[in-house]
Each structure stands twice: as structure tokens, then as C-alpha cells.
Amino acid sequence: QQQQQQQHPQQQVHSKAALDYRLFMAYSLLARIHGMLRQPELEAQCTEAMNCHLPLLADQVPFEEQLVHDQLFFSGVITALLQTGDPQRLVQAEALCRRTLQPVQDRLGKHHPDVAMKLSMLGCVALQQRRMDVALDCYFTSHSIFEALWGAEHPTAVGVLLNIGLVYSTLAQHATSLEHYQRALALQLKMYGPATFETSTTHMYVCQQLVALGRFTEARRLLLGAYDAVCAKSGPDHPSATAFQHLLANLEVQASLVTATPPHHP
């Protein structure tokens, strides 16, 4: 499209906004694919190219209309803004979330999944801004909508539950964080079974909270069980198995430091 417009400038092949939108979505999807393929350099290149179109898109009139009606586009834009880590971009992301939330609520009602998704993204913004009370309010409301519509075991509902655990962990409220992580893990084990990427990651979150609470024996037992399940399914060279090995080694070091007898100084 770019080449065609350069070769025939007198012909308006597509509006500027439409072209920016297509380029943004193309780079956004490419970034996600390279991320899943664990190709960080290519992912970074696509993310950078994607971010180049954010200020261009923000100047276009159809931009917010697209954010209201296209959930994938909305998620891509807010995620791109979050990835910059720029405080001004976070303010822009919050403003876009709030301005597009109300039209969706008015059109679809307060309990529609699109409303829950926008609230969840607003929670992500608030978390990066360290506004934990706002993040928790958004996440709890979002989770209640997803749970009521799709059930507690739905991956999106579990994902929000994990984010709630992350907020409490950031607040150093490890017991409350552990409660939410354990609930998410139980739902994932029921859905996926052991030794999956989802359950392996959540095992690590649960272990981190147990360690923070000084419950080393429980953390060790949990890690060993998860490690054995991964090895039985995928072998000891699987990335999750390697990650569990590192966690177990770190756990032993931390446990030894805590239980070591301090030297006696007369």
C-alpha cells in the first residue's frame, strides 16, 4: 500500500488513518509471533516499528472509534503503550482506557466482556503507575464479570486472578497473594493438567510467595512435584525443567541462610 501510494500520489488509495491502522496491526501481530517463537531481537524490532505509529494514530479522528469497537485493536494499542514504560505514555493509555470505557458500557451494559477487558487493561496501566488501589478495583470488577459470564476456569478469568496476585505481591502482602495464586493454580491444573506452560509458570509464582513467607518446606515440595511432572512429560532438558532446577537451587541457598546458626560473639 505504501509503494502504491508513492507511485501514484494523485490516487488516494487509503486514508492515512487506515494505512496507519493496518501497519500498526501488522507490526503488532508480528511482534506477538516473534515473542511466542522466543526471537527477542525480531520482537523488539517489530515493537519499535509498531510504536512509531502510535502518535500518528492518536492524531486521527477514527482512532478512538476504533478503540471502542475493536477489542483486539484496543488491547494492542494499550499493550504497546505499556511496553514503552514512559510515564507520559502511561497517562495516555489511562486516558484512552477511560474515554473508551464509557461508550462501551452505554452500548453493551456494565457486565459485557468488552467492559471487563477494558477494565482489566486499565488495571494493568494502574499497576505500572503503582496505583495499587485502582488496579485492585479494576481487576476485581473485571474478574467478577468474566467469572459470571464464562466461569472461574476460563483462561481470561484466571489471568485476571493472577494479576490480582501480582498486585498483592507488589504490596508485600504475600499471604493474600499466595491465596490468589493458589486458587489460579488449582483452576489451571483442573483445566490443563500438570506440566503445561501455564501451570509451570503459576507454580513458580506460588513458590515465590511461599519463600517470602518463610515456608521453605512447602515450596520445596511444590517445586519437586512440578519438576518431576515436567521431566516425565517433556524430559529434564525442557526449559520449564531447567527453570525449576534453578529455583530449587536458589531455594536451598535461601533456606540455608535463614536456618544458619549465627556466630557467637562473647
C-alpha atoms as a PDB file:
ATOM      1  CA  GLN A   1       0.000   0.000   0.000  1.00  0.00           C
ATOM      2  CA  GLN A   2       2.860   2.369   0.818  1.00  0.00           C
ATOM      3  CA  GLN A   3       4.572   1.669  -2.528  1.00  0.00           C
ATOM      4  CA  GLN A   4       1.342   2.091  -4.446  1.00  0.00           C
ATOM      5  CA  GLN A   5       0.665   5.433  -2.807  1.00  0.00           C
ATOM      6  CA  GLN A   6       4.213   6.631  -3.529  1.00  0.00           C
ATOM      7  CA  GLN A   7       3.996   5.596  -7.192  1.00  0.00           C
ATOM      8  CA  HIS A   8       0.545   7.184  -7.653  1.00  0.00           C
ATOM      9  CA  PRO A   9       0.339  10.086  -5.200  1.00  0.00           C
ATOM     10  CA  GLN A  10      -2.624  11.549  -7.070  1.00  0.00           C
ATOM     11  CA  GLN A  11      -4.662   8.481  -6.139  1.00  0.00           C
ATOM     12  CA  GLN A  12      -5.823   8.308  -2.533  1.00  0.00           C
ATOM     13  CA  VAL A  13      -5.557   4.521  -2.201  1.00  0.00           C
ATOM     14  CA  HIS A  14      -6.336   4.546   1.514  1.00  0.00           C
ATOM     15  CA  SER A  15      -6.712   7.256   4.109  1.00  0.00           C
ATOM     16  CA  LYS A  16      -3.721   7.990   6.327  1.00  0.00           C
ATOM     17  CA  ALA A  17      -5.588   6.663   9.343  1.00  0.00           C
ATOM     18  CA  ALA A  18      -6.479   3.420   7.573  1.00  0.00           C
ATOM     19  CA  LEU A  19      -2.897   2.858   6.475  1.00  0.00           C
ATOM     20  CA  ASP A  20      -1.528   3.634   9.951  1.00  0.00           C
ATOM     21  CA  TYR A  21      -4.035   1.206  11.429  1.00  0.00           C
ATOM     22  CA  ARG A  22      -3.036  -1.613   9.058  1.00  0.00           C
ATOM     23  CA  LEU A  23       0.673  -1.049   9.687  1.00  0.00           C
ATOM     24  CA  PHE A  24       0.146  -0.913  13.435  1.00  0.00           C
ATOM     25  CA  MET A  25      -1.812  -4.179  13.467  1.00  0.00           C
ATOM     26  CA  ALA A  26       0.691  -5.903  11.152  1.00  0.00           C
ATOM     27  CA  TYR A  27       3.656  -4.992  13.357  1.00  0.00           C
ATOM     28  CA  SER A  28       1.661  -5.806  16.496  1.00  0.00           C
ATOM     29  CA  LEU A  29       0.862  -9.327  15.280  1.00  0.00           C
ATOM     30  CA  LEU A  30       4.443  -9.856  14.076  1.00  0.00           C
ATOM     31  CA  ALA A  31       5.742  -8.802  17.496  1.00  0.00           C
ATOM     32  CA  ARG A  32       3.444 -11.332  19.192  1.00  0.00           C
ATOM     33  CA  ILE A  33       4.524 -14.113  16.833  1.00  0.00           C
ATOM     34  CA  HIS A  34       8.238 -13.428  17.354  1.00  0.00           C
ATOM     35  CA  GLY A  35       7.598 -13.304  21.103  1.00  0.00           C
ATOM     36  CA  MET A  36       5.963 -16.747  21.047  1.00  0.00           C
ATOM     37  CA  LEU A  37       8.853 -18.033  18.930  1.00  0.00           C
ATOM     38  CA  ARG A  38      11.305 -16.617  21.528  1.00  0.00           C
ATOM     39  CA  GLN A  39      13.004 -14.336  18.989  1.00  0.00           C
ATOM     40  CA  PRO A  40      13.595 -11.266  21.177  1.00  0.00           C
ATOM     41  CA  GLU A  41      15.566  -9.214  18.625  1.00  0.00           C
ATOM     42  CA  LEU A  42      12.880  -9.531  15.948  1.00  0.00           C
ATOM     43  CA  GLU A  43      10.170  -8.955  18.543  1.00  0.00           C
ATOM     44  CA  ALA A  44      11.905  -5.747  19.637  1.00  0.00           C
ATOM     45  CA  GLN A  45      12.218  -4.534  16.041  1.00  0.00           C
ATOM     46  CA  CYS A  46       8.523  -5.089  15.361  1.00  0.00           C
ATOM     47  CA  THR A  47       7.531  -3.489  18.676  1.00  0.00           C
ATOM     48  CA  GLU A  48       9.603  -0.422  17.842  1.00  0.00           C
ATOM     49  CA  ALA A  49       8.009  -0.168  14.395  1.00  0.00           C
ATOM     50  CA  MET A  50       4.583  -0.644  15.961  1.00  0.00           C
ATOM     51  CA  ASN A  51       5.194   2.134  18.481  1.00  0.00           C
ATOM     52  CA  CYS A  52       6.179   4.513  15.677  1.00  0.00           C
ATOM     53  CA  HIS A  53       2.559   4.527  14.536  1.00  0.00           C
ATOM     54  CA  LEU A  54       1.063   5.304  17.945  1.00  0.00           C
ATOM     55  CA  PRO A  55       1.478   9.110  17.760  1.00  0.00           C
ATOM     56  CA  LEU A  56       0.252   9.019  14.165  1.00  0.00           C
ATOM     57  CA  LEU A  57      -2.822   7.039  15.137  1.00  0.00           C
ATOM     58  CA  ALA A  58      -3.557   9.259  18.118  1.00  0.00           C
ATOM     59  CA  ASP A  59      -3.922  12.257  15.787  1.00  0.00           C
ATOM     60  CA  GLN A  60      -6.600  10.626  13.675  1.00  0.00           C
ATOM     61  CA  VAL A  61     -10.309  11.112  14.319  1.00  0.00           C
ATOM     62  CA  PRO A  62     -11.324   7.431  13.782  1.00  0.00           C
ATOM     63  CA  PHE A  63      -8.701   6.304  16.318  1.00  0.00           C
ATOM     64  CA  GLU A  64     -10.905   6.316  19.437  1.00  0.00           C
ATOM     65  CA  GLU A  65     -13.872   4.960  17.498  1.00  0.00           C
ATOM     66  CA  GLN A  66     -11.679   2.015  16.542  1.00  0.00           C
ATOM     67  CA  LEU A  67     -10.649   1.589  20.193  1.00  0.00           C
ATOM     68  CA  VAL A  68     -14.306   1.441  21.203  1.00  0.00           C
ATOM     69  CA  HIS A  69     -15.423  -1.104  18.608  1.00  0.00           C
ATOM     70  CA  ASP A  70     -12.335  -3.290  18.002  1.00  0.00           C
ATOM     71  CA  GLN A  71     -11.227  -5.122  21.146  1.00  0.00           C
ATOM     72  CA  LEU A  72      -8.105  -6.614  19.526  1.00  0.00           C
ATOM     73  CA  PHE A  73      -7.027  -3.182  18.335  1.00  0.00           C
ATOM     74  CA  PHE A  74      -7.692  -1.704  21.790  1.00  0.00           C
ATOM     75  CA  SER A  75      -5.606  -4.391  23.519  1.00  0.00           C
ATOM     76  CA  GLY A  76      -2.781  -3.948  21.013  1.00  0.00           C
ATOM     77  CA  VAL A  77      -2.638  -0.172  21.445  1.00  0.00           C
ATOM     78  CA  ILE A  78      -2.711  -0.215  25.250  1.00  0.00           C
ATOM     79  CA  THR A  79      -0.153  -3.039  25.378  1.00  0.00           C
ATOM     80  CA  ALA A  80       2.152  -1.086  23.073  1.00  0.00           C
ATOM     81  CA  LEU A  81       1.833   1.993  25.291  1.00  0.00           C
ATOM     82  CA  LEU A  82       2.574  -0.086  28.394  1.00  0.00           C
ATOM     83  CA  GLN A  83       5.659  -1.640  26.814  1.00  0.00           C
ATOM     84  CA  THR A  84       7.288   1.773  26.385  1.00  0.00           C
ATOM     85  CA  GLY A  85       7.493   2.257  30.159  1.00  0.00           C
ATOM     86  CA  ASP A  86       7.218   6.009  29.507  1.00  0.00           C
ATOM     87  CA  PRO A  87       5.162   7.804  32.231  1.00  0.00           C
ATOM     88  CA  GLN A  88       3.606  10.094  29.612  1.00  0.00           C
ATOM     89  CA  ARG A  89       2.592   7.059  27.557  1.00  0.00           C
ATOM     90  CA  LEU A  90       1.020   5.535  30.680  1.00  0.00           C
ATOM     91  CA  VAL A  91      -1.030   8.692  31.188  1.00  0.00           C
ATOM     92  CA  GLN A  92      -2.115   8.469  27.541  1.00  0.00           C
ATOM     93  CA  ALA A  93      -3.017   4.795  27.996  1.00  0.00           C
ATOM     94  CA  GLU A  94      -5.119   5.560  31.078  1.00  0.00           C
ATOM     95  CA  ALA A  95      -6.933   8.378  29.288  1.00  0.00           C
ATOM     96  CA  LEU A  96      -7.704   6.134  26.304  1.00  0.00           C
ATOM     97  CA  CYS A  97      -8.977   3.368  28.604  1.00  0.00           C
ATOM     98  CA  ARG A  98     -11.289   5.694  30.477  1.00  0.00           C
ATOM     99  CA  ARG A  99     -12.593   7.545  27.415  1.00  0.00           C
ATOM    100  CA  THR A 100     -13.425   4.340  25.549  1.00  0.00           C
ATOM    101  CA  LEU A 101     -14.865   2.512  28.573  1.00  0.00           C
ATOM    102  CA  GLN A 102     -17.970   4.661  28.944  1.00  0.00           C
ATOM    103  CA  PRO A 103     -19.254   4.281  25.339  1.00  0.00           C
ATOM    104  CA  VAL A 104     -18.909   0.503  25.614  1.00  0.00           C
ATOM    105  CA  GLN A 105     -20.772   0.453  28.944  1.00  0.00           C
ATOM    106  CA  ASP A 106     -23.533   2.641  27.494  1.00  0.00           C
ATOM    107  CA  ARG A 107     -23.896   0.467  24.381  1.00  0.00           C
ATOM    108  CA  LEU A 108     -23.394  -3.031  25.767  1.00  0.00           C
ATOM    109  CA  GLY A 109     -24.044  -2.750  29.509  1.00  0.00           C
ATOM    110  CA  LYS A 110     -21.746  -2.906  32.527  1.00  0.00           C
ATOM    111  CA  HIS A 111     -21.461  -6.690  32.513  1.00  0.00           C
ATOM    112  CA  HIS A 112     -20.289  -7.244  28.938  1.00  0.00           C
ATOM    113  CA  PRO A 113     -16.903  -8.991  28.364  1.00  0.00           C
ATOM    114  CA  ASP A 114     -15.617  -5.975  26.394  1.00  0.00           C
ATOM    115  CA  VAL A 115     -16.186  -3.858  29.504  1.00  0.00           C
ATOM    116  CA  ALA A 116     -14.332  -6.422  31.600  1.00  0.00           C
ATOM    117  CA  MET A 117     -11.422  -6.430  29.145  1.00  0.00           C
ATOM    118  CA  LYS A 118     -11.128  -2.653  29.192  1.00  0.00           C
ATOM    119  CA  LEU A 119     -11.214  -2.667  32.998  1.00  0.00           C
ATOM    120  CA  SER A 120      -8.503  -5.320  33.035  1.00  0.00           C
ATOM    121  CA  MET A 121      -6.298  -3.212  30.749  1.00  0.00           C
ATOM    122  CA  LEU A 122      -6.954  -0.162  32.935  1.00  0.00           C
ATOM    123  CA  GLY A 123      -5.797  -2.288  35.884  1.00  0.00           C
ATOM    124  CA  CYS A 124      -2.567  -3.069  34.017  1.00  0.00           C
ATOM    125  CA  VAL A 125      -1.974   0.651  33.479  1.00  0.00           C
ATOM    126  CA  ALA A 126      -2.663   1.444  37.142  1.00  0.00           C
ATOM    127  CA  LEU A 127      -0.300  -1.340  38.234  1.00  0.00           C
ATOM    128  CA  GLN A 128       2.544   0.154  36.212  1.00  0.00           C
ATOM    129  CA  GLN A 129       1.695   3.556  37.684  1.00  0.00           C
ATOM    130  CA  ARG A 130       1.938   1.988  41.170  1.00  0.00           C
ATOM    131  CA  ARG A 131      -1.674   2.961  41.898  1.00  0.00           C
ATOM    132  CA  MET A 132      -2.490  -0.320  43.563  1.00  0.00           C
ATOM    133  CA  ASP A 133      -5.936   0.604  44.898  1.00  0.00           C
ATOM    134  CA  VAL A 134      -7.115   1.490  41.387  1.00  0.00           C
ATOM    135  CA  ALA A 135      -5.511  -1.662  39.955  1.00  0.00           C
ATOM    136  CA  LEU A 136      -7.244  -3.905  42.502  1.00  0.00           C
ATOM    137  CA  ASP A 137     -10.619  -2.247  41.964  1.00  0.00           C
ATOM    138  CA  CYS A 138     -10.355  -2.717  38.182  1.00  0.00           C
ATOM    139  CA  TYR A 139      -9.116  -6.300  38.436  1.00  0.00           C
ATOM    140  CA  PHE A 140     -11.744  -7.425  40.948  1.00  0.00           C
ATOM    141  CA  THR A 141     -14.574  -5.914  38.903  1.00  0.00           C
ATOM    142  CA  SER A 142     -13.178  -7.396  35.692  1.00  0.00           C
ATOM    143  CA  HIS A 143     -12.741 -10.823  37.275  1.00  0.00           C
ATOM    144  CA  SER A 144     -16.290 -10.875  38.642  1.00  0.00           C
ATOM    145  CA  ILE A 145     -17.669 -10.144  35.145  1.00  0.00           C
ATOM    146  CA  PHE A 146     -15.560 -12.814  33.433  1.00  0.00           C
ATOM    147  CA  GLU A 147     -16.320 -15.368  36.142  1.00  0.00           C
ATOM    148  CA  ALA A 148     -20.065 -14.737  35.929  1.00  0.00           C
ATOM    149  CA  LEU A 149     -20.123 -14.911  32.119  1.00  0.00           C
ATOM    150  CA  TRP A 150     -17.597 -17.626  31.316  1.00  0.00           C
ATOM    151  CA  GLY A 151     -16.907 -19.470  34.575  1.00  0.00           C
ATOM    152  CA  ALA A 152     -13.984 -19.415  37.005  1.00  0.00           C
ATOM    153  CA  GLU A 153     -11.917 -21.823  34.894  1.00  0.00           C
ATOM    154  CA  HIS A 154     -11.883 -19.663  31.760  1.00  0.00           C
ATOM    155  CA  PRO A 155      -8.279 -18.646  30.901  1.00  0.00           C
ATOM    156  CA  THR A 156      -9.153 -14.935  30.826  1.00  0.00           C
ATOM    157  CA  ALA A 157     -10.716 -15.088  34.300  1.00  0.00           C
ATOM    158  CA  VAL A 158      -7.698 -16.988  35.613  1.00  0.00           C
ATOM    159  CA  GLY A 159      -5.380 -14.440  34.011  1.00  0.00           C
ATOM    160  CA  VAL A 160      -7.062 -11.605  35.904  1.00  0.00           C
ATOM    161  CA  LEU A 161      -6.834 -13.664  39.098  1.00  0.00           C
ATOM    162  CA  LEU A 162      -3.076 -13.958  38.543  1.00  0.00           C
ATOM    163  CA  ASN A 163      -2.863 -10.197  38.109  1.00  0.00           C
ATOM    164  CA  ILE A 164      -4.608  -9.731  41.454  1.00  0.00           C
ATOM    165  CA  GLY A 165      -1.970 -11.984  42.992  1.00  0.00           C
ATOM    166  CA  LEU A 166       0.731  -9.847  41.380  1.00  0.00           C
ATOM    167  CA  VAL A 167      -0.683  -6.642  42.890  1.00  0.00           C
ATOM    168  CA  TYR A 168      -0.710  -8.133  46.395  1.00  0.00           C
ATOM    169  CA  SER A 169       2.812  -9.477  45.875  1.00  0.00           C
ATOM    170  CA  THR A 170       3.985  -5.993  44.843  1.00  0.00           C
ATOM    171  CA  LEU A 171       2.380  -4.662  48.034  1.00  0.00           C
ATOM    172  CA  ALA A 172       4.336  -7.329  50.000  1.00  0.00           C
ATOM    173  CA  GLN A 173       1.025  -8.826  51.160  1.00  0.00           C
ATOM    174  CA  HIS A 174       2.375 -12.290  50.473  1.00  0.00           C
ATOM    175  CA  ALA A 175      -0.280 -14.312  52.300  1.00  0.00           C
ATOM    176  CA  THR A 176      -3.082 -12.701  50.272  1.00  0.00           C
ATOM    177  CA  SER A 177      -1.045 -13.006  47.086  1.00  0.00           C
ATOM    178  CA  LEU A 178      -0.445 -16.697  47.811  1.00  0.00           C
ATOM    179  CA  GLU A 179      -4.180 -17.251  48.275  1.00  0.00           C
ATOM    180  CA  HIS A 180      -4.950 -15.888  44.793  1.00  0.00           C
ATOM    181  CA  TYR A 181      -2.033 -17.671  43.118  1.00  0.00           C
ATOM    182  CA  GLN A 182      -3.022 -20.998  44.684  1.00  0.00           C
ATOM    183  CA  ARG A 183      -6.604 -20.539  43.542  1.00  0.00           C
ATOM    184  CA  ALA A 184      -5.407 -19.798  40.000  1.00  0.00           C
ATOM    185  CA  LEU A 185      -3.095 -22.824  40.052  1.00  0.00           C
ATOM    186  CA  ALA A 186      -5.893 -25.151  41.166  1.00  0.00           C
ATOM    187  CA  LEU A 187      -8.083 -23.919  38.293  1.00  0.00           C
ATOM    188  CA  GLN A 188      -5.271 -24.322  35.765  1.00  0.00           C
ATOM    189  CA  LEU A 189      -4.458 -27.850  36.937  1.00  0.00           C
ATOM    190  CA  LYS A 190      -8.119 -28.730  36.523  1.00  0.00           C
ATOM    191  CA  MET A 191      -8.199 -27.221  33.025  1.00  0.00           C
ATOM    192  CA  TYR A 192      -4.803 -28.187  31.595  1.00  0.00           C
ATOM    193  CA  GLY A 193      -3.350 -30.854  33.869  1.00  0.00           C
ATOM    194  CA  PRO A 194       0.219 -30.746  35.193  1.00  0.00           C
ATOM    195  CA  ALA A 195       3.398 -29.962  33.251  1.00  0.00           C
ATOM    196  CA  THR A 196       1.986 -27.279  30.947  1.00  0.00           C
ATOM    197  CA  PHE A 197       3.454 -23.832  30.369  1.00  0.00           C
ATOM    198  CA  GLU A 198       0.572 -22.194  32.261  1.00  0.00           C
ATOM    199  CA  THR A 199       0.791 -24.395  35.326  1.00  0.00           C
ATOM    200  CA  SER A 200       4.606 -24.330  35.391  1.00  0.00           C
ATOM    201  CA  THR A 201       4.621 -20.533  35.470  1.00  0.00           C
ATOM    202  CA  THR A 202       1.993 -20.360  38.207  1.00  0.00           C
ATOM    203  CA  HIS A 203       3.890 -22.968  40.251  1.00  0.00           C
ATOM    204  CA  MET A 204       6.797 -20.507  40.251  1.00  0.00           C
ATOM    205  CA  TYR A 205       4.552 -17.653  41.416  1.00  0.00           C
ATOM    206  CA  VAL A 206       3.200 -19.768  44.275  1.00  0.00           C
ATOM    207  CA  CYS A 207       6.720 -20.827  45.235  1.00  0.00           C
ATOM    208  CA  GLN A 208       7.915 -17.209  45.356  1.00  0.00           C
ATOM    209  CA  GLN A 209       5.185 -16.316  47.836  1.00  0.00           C
ATOM    210  CA  LEU A 210       5.891 -19.379  49.995  1.00  0.00           C
ATOM    211  CA  VAL A 211       9.559 -18.413  50.127  1.00  0.00           C
ATOM    212  CA  ALA A 212       8.663 -14.825  51.024  1.00  0.00           C
ATOM    213  CA  LEU A 213       6.600 -16.226  53.914  1.00  0.00           C
ATOM    214  CA  GLY A 214       9.491 -18.473  55.027  1.00  0.00           C
ATOM    215  CA  ARG A 215       7.607 -21.677  54.205  1.00  0.00           C
ATOM    216  CA  PHE A 216      10.580 -23.374  52.569  1.00  0.00           C
ATOM    217  CA  THR A 217       9.474 -26.986  53.087  1.00  0.00           C
ATOM    218  CA  GLU A 218       6.179 -26.384  51.265  1.00  0.00           C
ATOM    219  CA  ALA A 219       7.960 -24.504  48.481  1.00  0.00           C
ATOM    220  CA  ARG A 220      10.480 -27.327  48.029  1.00  0.00           C
ATOM    221  CA  ARG A 221       7.751 -29.979  47.915  1.00  0.00           C
ATOM    222  CA  LEU A 222       5.762 -27.962  45.372  1.00  0.00           C
ATOM    223  CA  LEU A 223       8.788 -27.388  43.113  1.00  0.00           C
ATOM    224  CA  LEU A 224       9.891 -31.007  43.247  1.00  0.00           C
ATOM    225  CA  GLY A 225       6.407 -32.191  42.284  1.00  0.00           C
ATOM    226  CA  ALA A 226       6.226 -29.741  39.368  1.00  0.00           C
ATOM    227  CA  TYR A 227       9.771 -30.633  38.261  1.00  0.00           C
ATOM    228  CA  ASP A 228       9.004 -34.371  38.259  1.00  0.00           C
ATOM    229  CA  ALA A 229       5.808 -33.781  36.227  1.00  0.00           C
ATOM    230  CA  VAL A 230       7.676 -31.737  33.590  1.00  0.00           C
ATOM    231  CA  CYS A 231      10.500 -34.287  33.366  1.00  0.00           C
ATOM    232  CA  ALA A 232       8.045 -37.155  32.961  1.00  0.00           C
ATOM    233  CA  LYS A 233       6.221 -35.358  30.157  1.00  0.00           C
ATOM    234  CA  SER A 234       8.990 -33.454  28.334  1.00  0.00           C
ATOM    235  CA  GLY A 235      12.339 -34.587  29.727  1.00  0.00           C
ATOM    236  CA  PRO A 236      14.878 -32.863  32.014  1.00  0.00           C
ATOM    237  CA  ASP A 237      16.156 -30.599  29.226  1.00  0.00           C
ATOM    238  CA  HIS A 238      12.829 -28.816  28.786  1.00  0.00           C
ATOM    239  CA  PRO A 239      13.052 -25.059  29.582  1.00  0.00           C
ATOM    240  CA  SER A 240      10.498 -25.394  32.397  1.00  0.00           C
ATOM    241  CA  ALA A 241      12.525 -28.217  33.967  1.00  0.00           C
ATOM    242  CA  THR A 242      15.664 -26.076  33.789  1.00  0.00           C
ATOM    243  CA  ALA A 243      13.813 -23.156  35.381  1.00  0.00           C
ATOM    244  CA  PHE A 244      12.632 -25.411  38.220  1.00  0.00           C
ATOM    245  CA  GLN A 245      16.210 -26.611  38.763  1.00  0.00           C
ATOM    246  CA  HIS A 246      17.395 -23.010  39.150  1.00  0.00           C
ATOM    247  CA  LEU A 247      14.544 -22.235  41.537  1.00  0.00           C
ATOM    248  CA  LEU A 248      15.324 -25.293  43.643  1.00  0.00           C
ATOM    249  CA  ALA A 249      18.988 -24.297  43.833  1.00  0.00           C
ATOM    250  CA  ASN A 250      18.072 -20.752  44.880  1.00  0.00           C
ATOM    251  CA  LEU A 251      15.590 -22.134  47.396  1.00  0.00           C
ATOM    252  CA  GLU A 252      18.261 -24.236  49.060  1.00  0.00           C
ATOM    253  CA  VAL A 253      20.553 -21.205  49.327  1.00  0.00           C
ATOM    254  CA  GLN A 254      17.832 -19.027  50.860  1.00  0.00           C
ATOM    255  CA  ALA A 255      16.746 -21.763  53.268  1.00  0.00           C
ATOM    256  CA  SER A 256      20.340 -22.309  54.421  1.00  0.00           C
ATOM    257  CA  LEU A 257      20.806 -18.576  55.037  1.00  0.00           C
ATOM    258  CA  VAL A 258      17.659 -18.390  57.134  1.00  0.00           C
ATOM    259  CA  THR A 259      18.354 -21.517  59.192  1.00  0.00           C
ATOM    260  CA  ALA A 260      22.098 -20.932  59.614  1.00  0.00           C
ATOM    261  CA  THR A 261      23.231 -20.500  63.212  1.00  0.00           C
ATOM    262  CA  PRO A 262      24.650 -17.008  63.692  1.00  0.00           C
ATOM    263  CA  PRO A 263      28.216 -16.822  65.060  1.00  0.00           C
ATOM    264  CA  HIS A 264      28.566 -16.325  68.825  1.00  0.00           C
ATOM    265  CA  HIS A 265      30.289 -13.114  69.883  1.00  0.00           C
ATOM    266  CA  PRO A 266      31.127 -13.135  73.565  1.00  0.00           C
END
